Amino acid sequence: MLLTSCGEAVPANTALITSQAATASVTAAATVTEAVTSASVQTSASITETSETVTSEEAPPEEVQEDIDLETVLYDQLAGRNKAKVGCGPACAAMILRSELGVEADKDDVVELAYQKGLYLDAGYNFTYGFGMSLSQIGSLFSEYGFEAVTDTLDGCSDEEILTKIDELLSEGHRVVFGHLKDGRVLHYAVIHGRRGAEGEAVYLINDPWEGQAYELTCPELISRYRGAEGAQFSLHGGKVKGLLWVIGVMDKE
């Protein structure tokens, strides 16, 4: 007879059976533990291998805008035989006529033609005062040389849409006449001929006929100048200066 831990008598054969059962239970538990441990190790190894595979893959390269710089002559509207204080429009047209269209006409030639054709709202004596030209009148000046120009005020466009439009035109090889408010007080035209830098940090390359200046404008600066030319507070012009102009080719003569 054997005694249990509680002091009760238990037949010997019953104790043997109990002991064998306990042994079998421990063995089974050990087997299960070993199997679970093995499966866990295999799963962990599989996860590690998968992680290494994902980590080893290279991230796709970021899209980078290419720099654009369309070589463009720079004219000074205050120089030459016609010191055209209100001649920024034809001076810009002259830059594009020579650099993009190959026309052998200098700034003074284009300024005088604009005056002869009555394309100024008011040029004043020797172009020294007045209101200059609207964007559409600059387009008419190109037609005098046989080219078709397109103007777009970009009314209703977001800042992003405006910049995208300029980028598209530059990518197509077009220099762009840019109508804006200069220094917060003067309606003015300049030529955008390029873009440099990464998206979001780009600057635009400007040929400004006022004293023949070449400089850069950041995206916010360019948008601010564009937006500043809105409204009718500028008497005769209203919103007729604001926007872009580019040349699409030779006019159809038919």
Protein backbone atom coordinates (compact mmCIF):
# COMPACT_ATOMS: atom_id res chain seq x y z
CA MET A 1 0.00 0.00 0.00
CA LEU A 2 1.16 3.55 -0.74
CA LEU A 3 -0.03 6.72 0.89
CA THR A 4 -1.13 9.72 -1.08
CA SER A 5 -0.10 13.15 -0.06
CA CYS A 6 -3.43 13.40 1.72
CA GLY A 7 -2.72 10.28 3.84
CA GLU A 8 -5.28 8.03 2.11
CA ALA A 9 -4.39 4.46 1.23
CA VAL A 10 -4.11 3.68 -2.48
CA PRO A 11 -3.63 0.23 -3.98
CA ALA A 12 -0.09 -0.34 -5.34
CA ASN A 13 -1.27 -1.11 -8.86
CA THR A 14 -3.31 2.08 -8.89
CA ALA A 15 -0.28 4.11 -7.85
CA LEU A 16 1.79 2.51 -10.63
CA ILE A 17 -0.82 3.34 -13.21
CA THR A 18 -0.98 6.91 -11.91
CA SER A 19 2.79 7.19 -12.05
CA GLN A 20 2.90 5.86 -15.63
CA ALA A 21 0.18 8.25 -16.69
CA ALA A 22 2.02 11.18 -15.17
CA THR A 23 5.20 10.16 -16.94
CA ALA A 24 3.37 9.89 -20.25
CA SER A 25 1.78 13.33 -19.68
CA VAL A 26 5.17 14.95 -19.04
CA THR A 27 6.61 13.28 -22.14
CA ALA A 28 3.68 14.48 -24.25
CA ALA A 29 3.98 17.99 -22.87
CA ALA A 30 7.69 18.04 -23.67
CA THR A 31 6.96 16.86 -27.22
CA VAL A 32 4.34 19.57 -27.71
CA THR A 33 6.66 22.23 -26.27
CA GLU A 34 9.43 21.12 -28.62
CA ALA A 35 7.09 21.22 -31.62
CA VAL A 36 5.78 24.69 -30.73
CA THR A 37 9.30 25.99 -30.16
CA SER A 38 10.45 24.57 -33.51
CA ALA A 39 7.49 26.09 -35.35
CA SER A 40 8.07 29.45 -33.64
CA VAL A 41 11.73 29.46 -34.67
CA GLN A 42 10.82 28.58 -38.25
CA THR A 43 8.17 31.31 -38.37
CA SER A 44 10.56 33.85 -36.89
CA ALA A 45 13.21 32.91 -39.46
CA SER A 46 10.65 33.22 -42.23
CA ILE A 47 9.60 36.70 -41.04
CA THR A 48 13.23 37.78 -40.79
CA GLU A 49 13.93 36.52 -44.29
CA THR A 50 10.86 38.33 -45.65
CA SER A 51 11.89 41.52 -43.84
CA GLU A 52 15.37 41.31 -45.31
CA THR A 53 13.88 40.81 -48.78
CA VAL A 54 11.68 43.91 -48.44
CA THR A 55 14.52 45.97 -46.98
CA SER A 56 16.87 44.96 -49.79
CA GLU A 57 14.52 46.33 -52.45
CA GLU A 58 15.52 49.84 -53.62
CA ALA A 59 12.93 52.61 -53.26
CA PRO A 60 11.74 54.00 -56.60
CA PRO A 61 13.69 57.12 -57.59
CA GLU A 62 11.95 60.46 -57.08
CA GLU A 63 10.92 62.27 -60.25
CA VAL A 64 13.22 65.25 -60.79
CA GLN A 65 12.40 68.16 -63.07
CA GLU A 66 15.07 68.94 -65.60
CA ASP A 67 16.48 72.46 -65.66
CA ILE A 68 15.45 74.52 -68.69
CA ASP A 69 17.23 77.61 -69.97
CA LEU A 70 16.15 78.80 -73.41
CA GLU A 71 18.84 81.17 -74.66
CA THR A 72 17.21 84.57 -75.02
CA VAL A 73 18.52 87.99 -75.97
CA LEU A 74 17.97 90.67 -73.30
CA TYR A 75 16.79 94.11 -74.45
CA ASP A 76 16.73 97.28 -72.37
CA GLN A 77 13.60 99.29 -73.08
CA LEU A 78 15.30 102.45 -71.74
CA ALA A 79 18.23 102.21 -74.17
CA GLY A 80 18.59 102.81 -77.91
CA ARG A 81 17.06 105.48 -80.08
CA ASN A 82 13.65 105.02 -78.43
CA LYS A 83 14.01 105.09 -74.68
CA ALA A 84 10.57 103.58 -74.33
CA LYS A 85 9.47 104.00 -70.73
CA VAL A 86 6.14 102.40 -71.62
CA GLY A 87 7.68 99.99 -74.12
CA CYS A 88 8.06 96.81 -72.05
CA GLY A 89 5.49 94.98 -74.20
CA PRO A 90 7.20 95.44 -77.59
CA ALA A 91 10.63 94.97 -75.96
CA CYS A 92 9.52 91.54 -74.74
CA ALA A 93 8.07 90.78 -78.16
CA ALA A 94 11.43 91.69 -79.70
CA MET A 95 13.24 89.21 -77.42
CA ILE A 96 11.00 86.36 -78.61
CA LEU A 97 11.01 87.45 -82.26
CA ARG A 98 14.80 87.28 -82.37
CA SER A 99 15.56 84.38 -80.02
CA GLU A 100 12.72 81.98 -80.79
CA LEU A 101 11.52 82.99 -84.24
CA GLY A 102 14.75 84.20 -85.85
CA VAL A 103 13.43 87.60 -86.94
CA GLU A 104 16.19 90.18 -87.53
CA ALA A 105 14.43 93.03 -85.77
CA ASP A 106 15.85 94.89 -82.78
CA LYS A 107 13.95 96.43 -79.91
CA ASP A 108 13.63 99.89 -81.50
CA ASP A 109 12.20 98.43 -84.72
CA VAL A 110 9.46 96.59 -82.82
CA VAL A 111 8.67 99.56 -80.57
CA GLU A 112 8.23 101.83 -83.59
CA LEU A 113 6.06 99.32 -85.44
CA ALA A 114 3.78 99.02 -82.41
CA TYR A 115 3.41 102.79 -82.35
CA GLN A 116 2.79 103.05 -86.11
CA LYS A 117 0.08 100.36 -85.97
CA GLY A 118 -1.72 102.10 -83.12
CA LEU A 119 -1.22 99.21 -80.72
CA TYR A 120 -0.44 101.40 -77.72
CA LEU A 121 -3.27 102.49 -75.48
CA ASP A 122 -1.25 105.66 -75.01
CA ALA A 123 2.45 105.87 -75.76
CA GLY A 124 2.95 109.57 -75.11
CA TYR A 125 5.71 111.66 -76.66
CA ASN A 126 8.68 109.45 -77.62
CA PHE A 127 7.12 106.63 -75.54
CA THR A 128 8.12 108.38 -72.31
CA TYR A 129 4.73 108.15 -70.61
CA GLY A 130 1.31 106.59 -71.06
CA PHE A 131 -0.33 103.21 -70.51
CA GLY A 132 1.57 100.94 -72.88
CA MET A 133 -0.05 97.83 -74.37
CA SER A 134 -2.47 95.12 -73.34
CA LEU A 135 -1.55 91.45 -73.64
CA SER A 136 -3.79 91.02 -76.69
CA GLN A 137 -2.18 94.04 -78.37
CA ILE A 138 1.22 92.36 -78.01
CA GLY A 139 -0.36 89.37 -79.74
CA SER A 140 -1.45 91.66 -82.58
CA LEU A 141 2.12 92.91 -82.83
CA PHE A 142 3.34 89.37 -83.50
CA SER A 143 0.76 89.02 -86.25
CA GLU A 144 2.38 92.00 -88.00
CA TYR A 145 5.44 89.77 -88.37
CA GLY A 146 3.37 86.82 -89.60
CA PHE A 147 3.17 84.81 -86.38
CA GLU A 148 0.22 83.61 -84.34
CA ALA A 149 0.36 84.25 -80.61
CA VAL A 150 -1.86 82.84 -77.88
CA THR A 151 -2.79 84.76 -74.74
CA ASP A 152 -4.25 83.35 -71.55
CA THR A 153 -5.21 85.37 -68.47
CA LEU A 154 -5.36 82.08 -66.49
CA ASP A 155 -8.42 83.39 -64.67
CA GLY A 156 -9.79 80.83 -62.22
CA CYS A 157 -6.58 78.76 -62.23
CA SER A 158 -4.94 77.62 -59.02
CA ASP A 159 -1.33 78.51 -58.26
CA GLU A 160 -0.29 74.96 -59.12
CA GLU A 161 -2.13 75.07 -62.46
CA ILE A 162 -0.41 78.35 -63.39
CA LEU A 163 3.05 76.97 -62.65
CA THR A 164 2.25 73.74 -64.49
CA LYS A 165 1.19 75.73 -67.57
CA ILE A 166 4.45 77.71 -67.55
CA ASP A 167 6.46 74.49 -67.13
CA GLU A 168 4.65 72.89 -70.09
CA LEU A 169 5.33 75.88 -72.35
CA LEU A 170 9.02 75.99 -71.40
CA SER A 171 9.29 72.23 -72.00
CA GLU A 172 7.87 72.77 -75.49
CA GLY A 173 10.57 75.38 -76.21
CA HIS A 174 8.40 78.47 -75.78
CA ARG A 175 9.56 81.62 -74.09
CA VAL A 176 6.65 83.32 -72.33
CA VAL A 177 5.65 86.96 -72.02
CA PHE A 178 4.54 87.35 -68.41
CA GLY A 179 2.09 90.15 -67.52
CA HIS A 180 2.26 91.08 -63.84
CA LEU A 181 2.49 93.78 -61.19
CA LYS A 182 6.10 94.84 -60.62
CA ASP A 183 7.23 96.19 -57.24
CA GLY A 184 3.62 96.23 -56.09
CA ARG A 185 2.73 99.31 -58.15
CA VAL A 186 3.56 99.07 -61.88
CA LEU A 187 1.91 96.90 -64.53
CA HIS A 188 4.74 95.32 -66.46
CA TYR A 189 5.87 92.63 -68.89
CA ALA A 190 8.93 90.40 -68.72
CA VAL A 191 10.01 87.20 -70.47
CA ILE A 192 10.19 83.86 -68.67
CA HIS A 193 12.83 81.79 -70.47
CA GLY A 194 13.69 78.98 -68.06
CA ARG A 195 13.32 77.15 -64.78
CA ARG A 196 15.94 75.80 -62.41
CA GLY A 197 15.79 73.61 -59.30
CA ALA A 198 13.77 70.78 -57.79
CA GLU A 199 9.98 70.74 -57.76
CA GLY A 200 8.69 72.85 -54.91
CA GLU A 201 11.96 74.78 -54.74
CA ALA A 202 12.19 75.87 -58.37
CA VAL A 203 13.07 79.37 -59.52
CA TYR A 204 12.10 80.89 -62.87
CA LEU A 205 14.60 82.70 -65.10
CA ILE A 206 13.45 86.18 -66.07
CA ASN A 207 14.59 88.65 -68.75
CA ASP A 208 13.17 92.01 -67.67
CA PRO A 209 13.37 94.86 -70.22
CA TRP A 210 13.35 97.50 -67.48
CA GLU A 211 17.04 98.51 -67.52
CA GLY A 212 17.82 95.13 -69.09
CA GLN A 213 17.73 93.06 -65.90
CA ALA A 214 18.18 89.29 -65.67
CA TYR A 215 17.07 87.67 -62.41
CA GLU A 216 15.21 84.77 -60.85
CA LEU A 217 11.78 84.56 -59.22
CA THR A 218 10.72 81.86 -56.77
CA CYS A 219 7.34 80.20 -57.29
CA PRO A 220 5.65 82.30 -54.54
CA GLU A 221 7.19 85.51 -55.93
CA LEU A 222 6.00 84.76 -59.45
CA ILE A 223 2.47 83.93 -58.28
CA SER A 224 2.32 87.05 -56.11
CA ARG A 225 3.25 89.24 -59.08
CA TYR A 226 0.68 87.52 -61.28
CA ARG A 227 -2.12 87.90 -58.70
CA GLY A 228 -1.20 91.54 -58.12
CA ALA A 229 -2.23 92.52 -61.66
CA GLU A 230 -5.88 91.63 -61.13
CA GLY A 231 -8.76 94.05 -60.89
CA ALA A 232 -9.82 97.31 -62.49
CA GLN A 233 -7.82 99.65 -60.25
CA PHE A 234 -5.41 100.35 -63.09
CA SER A 235 -7.81 102.50 -65.12
CA LEU A 236 -7.63 101.66 -68.83
CA HIS A 237 -5.95 98.29 -68.43
CA GLY A 238 -8.11 96.58 -65.83
CA GLY A 239 -7.10 92.91 -66.02
CA LYS A 240 -5.84 93.13 -69.61
CA VAL A 241 -2.17 92.84 -68.68
CA LYS A 242 -2.33 89.85 -66.34
CA GLY A 243 -1.44 86.47 -67.84
CA LEU A 244 0.80 84.73 -70.36
CA LEU A 245 1.52 85.05 -74.06
CA TRP A 246 3.37 82.60 -76.28
CA VAL A 247 3.80 82.07 -80.04
CA ILE A 248 2.56 78.85 -81.63
CA GLY A 249 3.91 79.39 -85.14
CA VAL A 250 3.44 81.04 -88.49
CA MET A 251 -0.02 82.36 -89.27
CA ASP A 252 -2.23 80.65 -91.81
CA LYS A 253 -2.32 83.07 -94.75
CA GLU A 254 -5.50 81.68 -96.27
